[in-house]
PDB file of all heavy atoms in Angstrom:
ATOM      1  N   GLN A   1      13.549  -4.519  -7.899  1.00  0.00           N
ATOM      2  CA  GLN A   1      12.719  -4.568  -9.209  1.00  0.00           C
ATOM      3  C   GLN A   1      12.005  -3.204  -9.428  1.00  0.00           C
ATOM      4  O   GLN A   1      12.089  -2.773 -10.576  1.00  0.00           O
ATOM      5  CB  GLN A   1      11.633  -5.657  -8.996  1.00  0.00           C
ATOM      6  CG  GLN A   1      12.192  -7.123  -8.979  1.00  0.00           C
ATOM      7  CD  GLN A   1      11.001  -8.056  -8.820  1.00  0.00           C
ATOM      8  OE1 GLN A   1       9.908  -7.832  -9.328  1.00  0.00           O
ATOM      9  NE2 GLN A   1      11.248  -9.095  -8.098  1.00  0.00           N
ATOM     10  N   SER A   2      11.575  -2.546  -8.427  1.00  0.00           N
ATOM     11  CA  SER A   2      10.894  -1.326  -8.719  1.00  0.00           C
ATOM     12  C   SER A   2      11.817  -0.168  -9.170  1.00  0.00           C
ATOM     13  O   SER A   2      11.439   0.618 -10.023  1.00  0.00           O
ATOM     14  CB  SER A   2      10.122  -0.890  -7.433  1.00  0.00           C
ATOM     15  OG  SER A   2      10.983  -0.657  -6.371  1.00  0.00           O
ATOM     16  N   ALA A   3      13.018  -0.236  -8.608  1.00  0.00           N
ATOM     17  CA  ALA A   3      14.010   0.719  -9.107  1.00  0.00           C
ATOM     18  C   ALA A   3      14.446   0.434 -10.574  1.00  0.00           C
ATOM     19  O   ALA A   3      14.566   1.362 -11.342  1.00  0.00           O
ATOM     20  CB  ALA A   3      15.197   0.764  -8.170  1.00  0.00           C
ATOM     21  N   ARG A   4      14.678  -0.797 -10.827  1.00  0.00           N
ATOM     22  CA  ARG A   4      15.139  -1.133 -12.188  1.00  0.00           C
ATOM     23  C   ARG A   4      14.019  -0.915 -13.270  1.00  0.00           C
ATOM     24  O   ARG A   4      14.315  -0.475 -14.339  1.00  0.00           O
ATOM     25  CB  ARG A   4      15.482  -2.565 -12.223  1.00  0.00           C
ATOM     26  CG  ARG A   4      15.904  -3.154 -13.595  1.00  0.00           C
ATOM     27  CD  ARG A   4      16.681  -4.530 -13.527  1.00  0.00           C
ATOM     28  NE  ARG A   4      15.950  -5.452 -12.599  1.00  0.00           N
ATOM     29  CZ  ARG A   4      14.931  -6.176 -13.033  1.00  0.00           C
ATOM     30  NH1 ARG A   4      14.490  -6.105 -14.338  1.00  0.00           N
ATOM     31  NH2 ARG A   4      14.267  -7.003 -12.240  1.00  0.00           N
ATOM     32  N   LEU A   5      12.805  -1.121 -12.834  1.00  0.00           N
ATOM     33  CA  LEU A   5      11.715  -0.863 -13.745  1.00  0.00           C
ATOM     34  C   LEU A   5      11.172   0.579 -13.809  1.00  0.00           C
ATOM     35  O   LEU A   5      10.243   0.864 -14.597  1.00  0.00           O
ATOM     36  CB  LEU A   5      10.566  -1.771 -13.404  1.00  0.00           C
ATOM     37  CG  LEU A   5      10.768  -3.338 -13.560  1.00  0.00           C
ATOM     38  CD1 LEU A   5       9.712  -4.131 -12.912  1.00  0.00           C
ATOM     39  CD2 LEU A   5      11.138  -3.723 -14.998  1.00  0.00           C
ATOM     40  N   GLY A   6      11.752   1.351 -12.948  1.00  0.00           N
ATOM     41  CA  GLY A   6      11.350   2.834 -13.012  1.00  0.00           C
ATOM     42  C   GLY A   6       9.994   3.163 -12.483  1.00  0.00           C
ATOM     43  O   GLY A   6       9.417   4.177 -12.919  1.00  0.00           O
ATOM     44  N   VAL A   7       9.545   2.406 -11.401  1.00  0.00           N
ATOM     45  CA  VAL A   7       8.122   2.681 -10.960  1.00  0.00           C
ATOM     46  C   VAL A   7       8.178   2.972  -9.398  1.00  0.00           C
ATOM     47  O   VAL A   7       7.067   3.147  -8.951  1.00  0.00           O
ATOM     48  CB  VAL A   7       7.190   1.501 -11.238  1.00  0.00           C
ATOM     49  CG1 VAL A   7       7.064   1.358 -12.752  1.00  0.00           C
ATOM     50  CG2 VAL A   7       7.656   0.176 -10.654  1.00  0.00           C
ATOM     51  N   ALA A   8       9.300   2.939  -8.802  1.00  0.00           N
ATOM     52  CA  ALA A   8       9.280   3.091  -7.335  1.00  0.00           C
ATOM     53  C   ALA A   8       8.633   4.350  -6.821  1.00  0.00           C
ATOM     54  O   ALA A   8       8.001   4.408  -5.871  1.00  0.00           O
ATOM     55  CB  ALA A   8      10.785   3.020  -6.889  1.00  0.00           C
ATOM     56  N   ASP A   9       8.816   5.409  -7.605  1.00  0.00           N
ATOM     57  CA  ASP A   9       8.303   6.750  -7.145  1.00  0.00           C
ATOM     58  C   ASP A   9       6.790   6.872  -7.410  1.00  0.00           C
ATOM     59  O   ASP A   9       6.217   7.905  -6.960  1.00  0.00           O
ATOM     60  CB  ASP A   9       9.025   7.901  -7.968  1.00  0.00           C
ATOM     61  CG  ASP A   9      10.487   8.032  -7.534  1.00  0.00           C
ATOM     62  OD1 ASP A   9      10.871   7.483  -6.507  1.00  0.00           O
ATOM     63  OD2 ASP A   9      11.281   8.525  -8.313  1.00  0.00           O
ATOM     64  N   PHE A  10       6.117   5.904  -7.944  1.00  0.00           N
ATOM     65  CA  PHE A  10       4.701   6.108  -8.184  1.00  0.00           C
ATOM     66  C   PHE A  10       3.887   5.797  -6.857  1.00  0.00           C
ATOM     67  O   PHE A  10       2.759   6.129  -6.819  1.00  0.00           O
ATOM     68  CB  PHE A  10       4.237   5.133  -9.292  1.00  0.00           C
ATOM     69  CG  PHE A  10       4.522   5.659 -10.667  1.00  0.00           C
ATOM     70  CD1 PHE A  10       5.632   5.226 -11.369  1.00  0.00           C
ATOM     71  CD2 PHE A  10       3.657   6.506 -11.310  1.00  0.00           C
ATOM     72  CE1 PHE A  10       5.900   5.649 -12.613  1.00  0.00           C
ATOM     73  CE2 PHE A  10       3.914   7.055 -12.569  1.00  0.00           C
ATOM     74  CZ  PHE A  10       5.049   6.538 -13.278  1.00  0.00           C
ATOM     75  N   PHE A  11       4.534   5.055  -5.942  1.00  0.00           N
ATOM     76  CA  PHE A  11       3.772   4.645  -4.710  1.00  0.00           C
ATOM     77  C   PHE A  11       4.050   5.517  -3.599  1.00  0.00           C
ATOM     78  O   PHE A  11       5.150   5.872  -3.212  1.00  0.00           O
ATOM     79  CB  PHE A  11       4.376   3.168  -4.362  1.00  0.00           C
ATOM     80  CG  PHE A  11       4.148   2.174  -5.494  1.00  0.00           C
ATOM     81  CD1 PHE A  11       5.264   1.757  -6.211  1.00  0.00           C
ATOM     82  CD2 PHE A  11       2.893   1.671  -5.863  1.00  0.00           C
ATOM     83  CE1 PHE A  11       5.102   0.824  -7.176  1.00  0.00           C
ATOM     84  CE2 PHE A  11       2.758   0.803  -6.925  1.00  0.00           C
ATOM     85  CZ  PHE A  11       3.869   0.348  -7.563  1.00  0.00           C
ATOM     86  N   GLU A  12       2.950   6.004  -3.057  1.00  0.00           N
ATOM     87  CA  GLU A  12       2.890   6.756  -1.799  1.00  0.00           C
ATOM     88  C   GLU A  12       3.582   6.031  -0.703  1.00  0.00           C
ATOM     89  O   GLU A  12       4.343   6.563   0.125  1.00  0.00           O
ATOM     90  CB  GLU A  12       1.532   7.277  -1.471  1.00  0.00           C
ATOM     91  CG  GLU A  12       1.519   8.240  -0.329  1.00  0.00           C
ATOM     92  CD  GLU A  12       0.121   8.775  -0.126  1.00  0.00           C
ATOM     93  OE1 GLU A  12      -0.556   9.064  -1.133  1.00  0.00           O
ATOM     94  OE2 GLU A  12      -0.142   9.077   1.099  1.00  0.00           O
ATOM     95  N   HIS A  13       3.322   4.676  -0.595  1.00  0.00           N
ATOM     96  CA  HIS A  13       3.887   3.787   0.403  1.00  0.00           C
ATOM     97  C   HIS A  13       3.804   2.399  -0.141  1.00  0.00           C
ATOM     98  O   HIS A  13       2.720   2.051  -0.748  1.00  0.00           O
ATOM     99  CB  HIS A  13       3.199   3.927   1.753  1.00  0.00           C
ATOM    100  CG  HIS A  13       3.955   3.312   2.916  1.00  0.00           C
ATOM    101  ND1 HIS A  13       4.623   4.111   3.805  1.00  0.00           N
ATOM    102  CD2 HIS A  13       4.089   2.018   3.252  1.00  0.00           C
ATOM    103  CE1 HIS A  13       5.234   3.246   4.728  1.00  0.00           C
ATOM    104  NE2 HIS A  13       4.946   2.051   4.353  1.00  0.00           N
ATOM    105  N   ALA A  14       4.841   1.598   0.087  1.00  0.00           N
ATOM    106  CA  ALA A  14       4.889   0.242  -0.302  1.00  0.00           C
ATOM    107  C   ALA A  14       4.845  -0.616   0.868  1.00  0.00           C
ATOM    108  O   ALA A  14       5.865  -0.521   1.697  1.00  0.00           O
ATOM    109  CB  ALA A  14       6.081  -0.063  -1.212  1.00  0.00           C
ATOM    110  N   TYR A  15       3.850  -1.438   1.064  1.00  0.00           N
ATOM    111  CA  TYR A  15       3.807  -2.465   2.080  1.00  0.00           C
ATOM    112  C   TYR A  15       4.147  -3.739   1.472  1.00  0.00           C
ATOM    113  O   TYR A  15       3.339  -4.395   0.724  1.00  0.00           O
ATOM    114  CB  TYR A  15       2.429  -2.438   2.727  1.00  0.00           C
ATOM    115  CG  TYR A  15       2.018  -1.186   3.393  1.00  0.00           C
ATOM    116  CD1 TYR A  15       1.423  -0.071   2.698  1.00  0.00           C
ATOM    117  CD2 TYR A  15       2.214  -0.960   4.815  1.00  0.00           C
ATOM    118  CE1 TYR A  15       1.116   1.017   3.308  1.00  0.00           C
ATOM    119  CE2 TYR A  15       1.882   0.197   5.336  1.00  0.00           C
ATOM    120  CZ  TYR A  15       1.298   1.218   4.634  1.00  0.00           C
ATOM    121  OH  TYR A  15       0.946   2.360   5.288  1.00  0.00           O
ATOM    122  N   VAL A  16       5.373  -4.234   1.810  1.00  0.00           N
ATOM    123  CA  VAL A  16       5.824  -5.460   1.190  1.00  0.00           C
ATOM    124  C   VAL A  16       6.119  -6.544   2.313  1.00  0.00           C
ATOM    125  O   VAL A  16       6.309  -6.199   3.481  1.00  0.00           O
ATOM    126  CB  VAL A  16       7.052  -5.209   0.369  1.00  0.00           C
ATOM    127  CG1 VAL A  16       6.663  -4.313  -0.853  1.00  0.00           C
ATOM    128  CG2 VAL A  16       8.245  -4.541   1.125  1.00  0.00           C
ATOM    129  N   GLY A  17       6.340  -7.732   1.881  1.00  0.00           N
ATOM    130  CA  GLY A  17       6.597  -8.870   2.851  1.00  0.00           C
ATOM    131  C   GLY A  17       5.394  -9.109   3.660  1.00  0.00           C
ATOM    132  O   GLY A  17       5.413  -9.685   4.840  1.00  0.00           O
ATOM    133  N   VAL A  18       4.189  -8.784   3.164  1.00  0.00           N
ATOM    134  CA  VAL A  18       2.931  -8.936   3.990  1.00  0.00           C
ATOM    135  C   VAL A  18       2.287 -10.207   3.623  1.00  0.00           C
ATOM    136  O   VAL A  18       1.961 -10.525   2.486  1.00  0.00           O
ATOM    137  CB  VAL A  18       1.991  -7.819   3.694  1.00  0.00           C
ATOM    138  CG1 VAL A  18       0.649  -8.012   4.330  1.00  0.00           C
ATOM    139  CG2 VAL A  18       2.605  -6.475   3.968  1.00  0.00           C
ATOM    140  N   MET A  19       2.012 -11.068   4.687  1.00  0.00           N
ATOM    141  CA  MET A  19       1.364 -12.309   4.442  1.00  0.00           C
ATOM    142  C   MET A  19      -0.097 -12.199   4.712  1.00  0.00           C
ATOM    143  O   MET A  19      -0.941 -12.882   4.062  1.00  0.00           O
ATOM    144  CB  MET A  19       1.966 -13.379   5.380  1.00  0.00           C
ATOM    145  CG  MET A  19       3.491 -13.672   5.047  1.00  0.00           C
ATOM    146  SD  MET A  19       3.748 -14.352   3.354  1.00  0.00           S
ATOM    147  CE  MET A  19       4.383 -13.000   2.480  1.00  0.00           C
ATOM    148  N   ASP A  20      -0.548 -11.389   5.729  1.00  0.00           N
ATOM    149  CA  ASP A  20      -1.951 -11.255   6.003  1.00  0.00           C
ATOM    150  C   ASP A  20      -2.488 -10.001   5.442  1.00  0.00           C
ATOM    151  O   ASP A  20      -2.376  -8.951   6.051  1.00  0.00           O
ATOM    152  CB  ASP A  20      -2.133 -11.347   7.493  1.00  0.00           C
ATOM    153  CG  ASP A  20      -3.605 -11.282   7.891  1.00  0.00           C
ATOM    154  OD1 ASP A  20      -4.526 -11.193   7.072  1.00  0.00           O
ATOM    155  OD2 ASP A  20      -3.939 -11.325   9.135  1.00  0.00           O
ATOM    156  N   LYS A  21      -2.874 -10.104   4.171  1.00  0.00           N
ATOM    157  CA  LYS A  21      -3.340  -8.779   3.458  1.00  0.00           C
ATOM    158  C   LYS A  21      -4.672  -8.318   4.089  1.00  0.00           C
ATOM    159  O   LYS A  21      -4.891  -7.050   3.956  1.00  0.00           O
ATOM    160  CB  LYS A  21      -3.504  -9.028   2.025  1.00  0.00           C
ATOM    161  CG  LYS A  21      -2.094  -9.300   1.295  1.00  0.00           C
ATOM    162  CD  LYS A  21      -2.252  -9.485  -0.148  1.00  0.00           C
ATOM    163  CE  LYS A  21      -1.034  -9.816  -0.867  1.00  0.00           C
ATOM    164  NZ  LYS A  21      -1.054 -10.123  -2.220  1.00  0.00           N
ATOM    165  N   ARG A  22      -5.514  -9.146   4.665  1.00  0.00           N
ATOM    166  CA  ARG A  22      -6.648  -8.681   5.156  1.00  0.00           C
ATOM    167  C   ARG A  22      -6.439  -7.663   6.256  1.00  0.00           C
ATOM    168  O   ARG A  22      -6.995  -6.581   6.222  1.00  0.00           O
ATOM    169  CB  ARG A  22      -7.519  -9.814   5.785  1.00  0.00           C
ATOM    170  CG  ARG A  22      -8.032 -10.887   4.741  1.00  0.00           C
ATOM    171  CD  ARG A  22      -8.691 -12.035   5.534  1.00  0.00           C
ATOM    172  NE  ARG A  22      -9.381 -12.975   4.535  1.00  0.00           N
ATOM    173  CZ  ARG A  22      -8.880 -13.983   3.984  1.00  0.00           C
ATOM    174  NH1 ARG A  22      -7.548 -14.182   4.154  1.00  0.00           N
ATOM    175  NH2 ARG A  22      -9.554 -14.776   3.162  1.00  0.00           N
ATOM    176  N   ALA A  23      -5.648  -8.039   7.292  1.00  0.00           N
ATOM    177  CA  ALA A  23      -5.365  -7.065   8.411  1.00  0.00           C
ATOM    178  C   ALA A  23      -4.654  -5.862   7.962  1.00  0.00           C
ATOM    179  O   ALA A  23      -4.889  -4.753   8.390  1.00  0.00           O
ATOM    180  CB  ALA A  23      -4.556  -7.850   9.479  1.00  0.00           C
ATOM    181  N   GLN A  24      -3.725  -6.023   6.976  1.00  0.00           N
ATOM    182  CA  GLN A  24      -2.934  -4.892   6.556  1.00  0.00           C
ATOM    183  C   GLN A  24      -3.738  -3.914   5.793  1.00  0.00           C
ATOM    184  O   GLN A  24      -3.512  -2.693   5.906  1.00  0.00           O
ATOM    185  CB  GLN A  24      -1.800  -5.355   5.646  1.00  0.00           C
ATOM    186  CG  GLN A  24      -0.702  -4.201   5.381  1.00  0.00           C
ATOM    187  CD  GLN A  24      -0.112  -3.693   6.594  1.00  0.00           C
ATOM    188  OE1 GLN A  24       0.532  -4.341   7.446  1.00  0.00           O
ATOM    189  NE2 GLN A  24      -0.130  -2.349   6.802  1.00  0.00           N
ATOM    190  N   LEU A  25      -4.688  -4.348   5.019  1.00  0.00           N
ATOM    191  CA  LEU A  25      -5.530  -3.435   4.249  1.00  0.00           C
ATOM    192  C   LEU A  25      -6.313  -2.503   5.192  1.00  0.00           C
ATOM    193  O   LEU A  25      -6.371  -1.297   4.990  1.00  0.00           O
ATOM    194  CB  LEU A  25      -6.615  -4.228   3.368  1.00  0.00           C
ATOM    195  CG  LEU A  25      -6.182  -4.520   1.907  1.00  0.00           C
ATOM    196  CD1 LEU A  25      -7.313  -5.327   1.316  1.00  0.00           C
ATOM    197  CD2 LEU A  25      -6.040  -3.185   1.214  1.00  0.00           C
ATOM    198  N   THR A  26      -6.794  -3.067   6.246  1.00  0.00           N
ATOM    199  CA  THR A  26      -7.539  -2.264   7.320  1.00  0.00           C
ATOM    200  C   THR A  26      -6.568  -1.224   7.848  1.00  0.00           C
ATOM    201  O   THR A  26      -6.952  -0.043   8.105  1.00  0.00           O
ATOM    202  CB  THR A  26      -8.210  -3.135   8.336  1.00  0.00           C
ATOM    203  OG1 THR A  26      -9.054  -4.060   7.716  1.00  0.00           O
ATOM    204  CG2 THR A  26      -8.922  -2.264   9.342  1.00  0.00           C
ATOM    205  N   ARG A  27      -5.355  -1.579   8.144  1.00  0.00           N
ATOM    206  CA  ARG A  27      -4.349  -0.701   8.697  1.00  0.00           C
ATOM    207  C   ARG A  27      -4.003   0.417   7.730  1.00  0.00           C
ATOM    208  O   ARG A  27      -3.812   1.561   8.165  1.00  0.00           O
ATOM    209  CB  ARG A  27      -3.157  -1.424   9.191  1.00  0.00           C
ATOM    210  CG  ARG A  27      -3.410  -2.277  10.439  1.00  0.00           C
ATOM    211  CD  ARG A  27      -2.098  -2.771  11.067  1.00  0.00           C
ATOM    212  NE  ARG A  27      -1.474  -3.818  10.236  1.00  0.00           N
ATOM    213  CZ  ARG A  27      -1.730  -5.119  10.468  1.00  0.00           C
ATOM    214  NH1 ARG A  27      -2.465  -5.537  11.456  1.00  0.00           N
ATOM    215  NH2 ARG A  27      -1.067  -6.083   9.698  1.00  0.00           N
ATOM    216  N   ILE A  28      -3.980   0.032   6.431  1.00  0.00           N
ATOM    217  CA  ILE A  28      -3.552   1.101   5.373  1.00  0.00           C
ATOM    218  C   ILE A  28      -4.637   2.097   5.340  1.00  0.00           C
ATOM    219  O   ILE A  28      -4.430   3.313   5.344  1.00  0.00           O
ATOM    220  CB  ILE A  28      -3.360   0.388   4.081  1.00  0.00           C
ATOM    221  CG1 ILE A  28      -2.129  -0.398   4.018  1.00  0.00           C
ATOM    222  CG2 ILE A  28      -3.320   1.460   2.985  1.00  0.00           C
ATOM    223  CD1 ILE A  28      -2.036  -1.288   2.827  1.00  0.00           C
ATOM    224  N   LEU A  29      -5.989   1.719   5.336  1.00  0.00           N
ATOM    225  CA  LEU A  29      -7.055   2.665   5.350  1.00  0.00           C
ATOM    226  C   LEU A  29      -6.985   3.632   6.517  1.00  0.00           C
ATOM    227  O   LEU A  29      -7.129   4.855   6.370  1.00  0.00           O
ATOM    228  CB  LEU A  29      -8.390   1.880   5.442  1.00  0.00           C
ATOM    229  CG  LEU A  29      -8.735   1.046   4.266  1.00  0.00           C
ATOM    230  CD1 LEU A  29      -9.979   0.253   4.529  1.00  0.00           C
ATOM    231  CD2 LEU A  29      -8.856   1.846   2.981  1.00  0.00           C
ATOM    232  N   ALA A  30      -6.674   3.155   7.695  1.00  0.00           N
ATOM    233  CA  ALA A  30      -6.568   3.989   8.896  1.00  0.00           C
ATOM    234  C   ALA A  30      -5.305   4.842   8.822  1.00  0.00           C
ATOM    235  O   ALA A  30      -5.487   6.101   9.118  1.00  0.00           O
ATOM    236  CB  ALA A  30      -6.547   3.129  10.150  1.00  0.00           C
ATOM    237  N   ALA A  31      -4.217   4.329   8.507  1.00  0.00           N
ATOM    238  CA  ALA A  31      -2.963   5.025   8.545  1.00  0.00           C
ATOM    239  C   ALA A  31      -2.929   6.274   7.521  1.00  0.00           C
ATOM    240  O   ALA A  31      -2.372   7.372   7.789  1.00  0.00           O
ATOM    241  CB  ALA A  31      -1.718   4.168   8.224  1.00  0.00           C
ATOM    242  N   HIS A  32      -3.686   6.035   6.382  1.00  0.00           N
ATOM    243  CA  HIS A  32      -3.610   7.119   5.411  1.00  0.00           C
ATOM    244  C   HIS A  32      -5.015   7.837   5.213  1.00  0.00           C
ATOM    245  O   HIS A  32      -5.171   8.575   4.197  1.00  0.00           O
ATOM    246  CB  HIS A  32      -3.130   6.536   3.985  1.00  0.00           C
ATOM    247  CG  HIS A  32      -1.819   5.953   4.077  1.00  0.00           C
ATOM    248  ND1 HIS A  32      -0.665   6.733   3.988  1.00  0.00           N
ATOM    249  CD2 HIS A  32      -1.365   4.623   4.275  1.00  0.00           C
ATOM    250  CE1 HIS A  32       0.408   5.939   4.067  1.00  0.00           C
ATOM    251  NE2 HIS A  32      -0.004   4.684   4.159  1.00  0.00           N
ATOM    252  N   ASP A  33      -5.953   7.590   6.151  1.00  0.00           N
ATOM    253  CA  ASP A  33      -7.158   8.272   6.156  1.00  0.00           C
ATOM    254  C   ASP A  33      -7.948   8.064   4.796  1.00  0.00           C
ATOM    255  O   ASP A  33      -8.365   8.985   4.100  1.00  0.00           O
ATOM    256  CB  ASP A  33      -6.988   9.748   6.402  1.00  0.00           C
ATOM    257  CG  ASP A  33      -8.316  10.392   6.825  1.00  0.00           C
ATOM    258  OD1 ASP A  33      -9.211   9.708   7.367  1.00  0.00           O
ATOM    259  OD2 ASP A  33      -8.431  11.645   6.690  1.00  0.00           O
ATOM    260  N   LEU A  34      -7.972   6.807   4.319  1.00  0.00           N
ATOM    261  CA  LEU A  34      -8.594   6.504   3.004  1.00  0.00           C
ATOM    262  C   LEU A  34     -10.054   6.049   3.296  1.00  0.00           C
ATOM    263  O   LEU A  34     -10.316   5.213   4.126  1.00  0.00           O
ATOM    264  CB  LEU A  34      -7.863   5.401   2.286  1.00  0.00           C
ATOM    265  CG  LEU A  34      -6.393   5.568   2.111  1.00  0.00           C
ATOM    266  CD1 LEU A  34      -5.757   4.324   1.320  1.00  0.00           C
ATOM    267  CD2 LEU A  34      -6.090   6.852   1.386  1.00  0.00           C
ATOM    268  N   ALA A  35     -11.002   6.603   2.573  1.00  0.00           N
ATOM    269  CA  ALA A  35     -12.414   6.211   2.636  1.00  0.00           C
ATOM    270  C   ALA A  35     -12.522   4.932   1.856  1.00  0.00           C
ATOM    271  O   ALA A  35     -12.163   4.767   0.707  1.00  0.00           O
ATOM    272  CB  ALA A  35     -13.209   7.262   1.996  1.00  0.00           C
ATOM    273  N   PRO A  36     -13.027   3.895   2.521  1.00  0.00           N
ATOM    274  CA  PRO A  36     -13.118   2.533   1.845  1.00  0.00           C
ATOM    275  C   PRO A  36     -13.994   2.616   0.567  1.00  0.00           C
ATOM    276  O   PRO A  36     -13.645   1.943  -0.385  1.00  0.00           O
ATOM    277  CB  PRO A  36     -13.915   1.665   2.906  1.00  0.00           C
ATOM    278  CG  PRO A  36     -13.585   2.266   4.262  1.00  0.00           C
ATOM    279  CD  PRO A  36     -13.443   3.831   3.951  1.00  0.00           C
ATOM    280  N   GLU A  37     -15.026   3.479   0.504  1.00  0.00           N
ATOM    281  CA  GLU A  37     -15.834   3.585  -0.615  1.00  0.00           C
ATOM    282  C   GLU A  37     -15.090   4.243  -1.837  1.00  0.00           C
ATOM    283  O   GLU A  37     -15.558   4.117  -2.929  1.00  0.00           O
ATOM    284  CB  GLU A  37     -17.151   4.222  -0.384  1.00  0.00           C
ATOM    285  CG  GLU A  37     -17.056   5.759  -0.012  1.00  0.00           C
ATOM    286  CD  GLU A  37     -16.775   6.009   1.476  1.00  0.00           C
ATOM    287  OE1 GLU A  37     -16.465   4.986   2.163  1.00  0.00           O
ATOM    288  OE2 GLU A  37     -16.792   7.195   1.910  1.00  0.00           O
ATOM    289  N   GLU A  38     -13.954   4.801  -1.582  1.00  0.00           N
ATOM    290  CA  GLU A  38     -13.148   5.533  -2.581  1.00  0.00           C
ATOM    291  C   GLU A  38     -11.904   4.691  -2.907  1.00  0.00           C
ATOM    292  O   GLU A  38     -10.955   5.268  -3.569  1.00  0.00           O
ATOM    293  CB  GLU A  38     -12.879   6.974  -2.186  1.00  0.00           C
ATOM    294  CG  GLU A  38     -14.170   7.826  -2.002  1.00  0.00           C
ATOM    295  CD  GLU A  38     -13.728   9.159  -1.546  1.00  0.00           C
ATOM    296  OE1 GLU A  38     -12.512   9.497  -1.244  1.00  0.00           O
ATOM    297  OE2 GLU A  38     -14.631  10.077  -1.602  1.00  0.00           O
ATOM    298  N   THR A  39     -11.811   3.499  -2.427  1.00  0.00           N
ATOM    299  CA  THR A  39     -10.525   2.853  -2.411  1.00  0.00           C
ATOM    300  C   THR A  39     -10.740   1.478  -3.138  1.00  0.00           C
ATOM    301  O   THR A  39     -11.682   0.766  -2.833  1.00  0.00           O
ATOM    302  CB  THR A  39      -9.950   2.578  -1.069  1.00  0.00           C
ATOM    303  OG1 THR A  39      -9.801   3.916  -0.384  1.00  0.00           O
ATOM    304  CG2 THR A  39      -8.627   1.887  -1.078  1.00  0.00           C
TER     305      THR A  39
END
């Protein structure tokens, strides 16, 4: 879908197939050094 719609390159990283978004959000912040207050 992302390739067909021409938006794949907009994402620095795509986390897909994720059922527990709570846990994954915390991991994304840590992995990419994102400040929560700026996210």
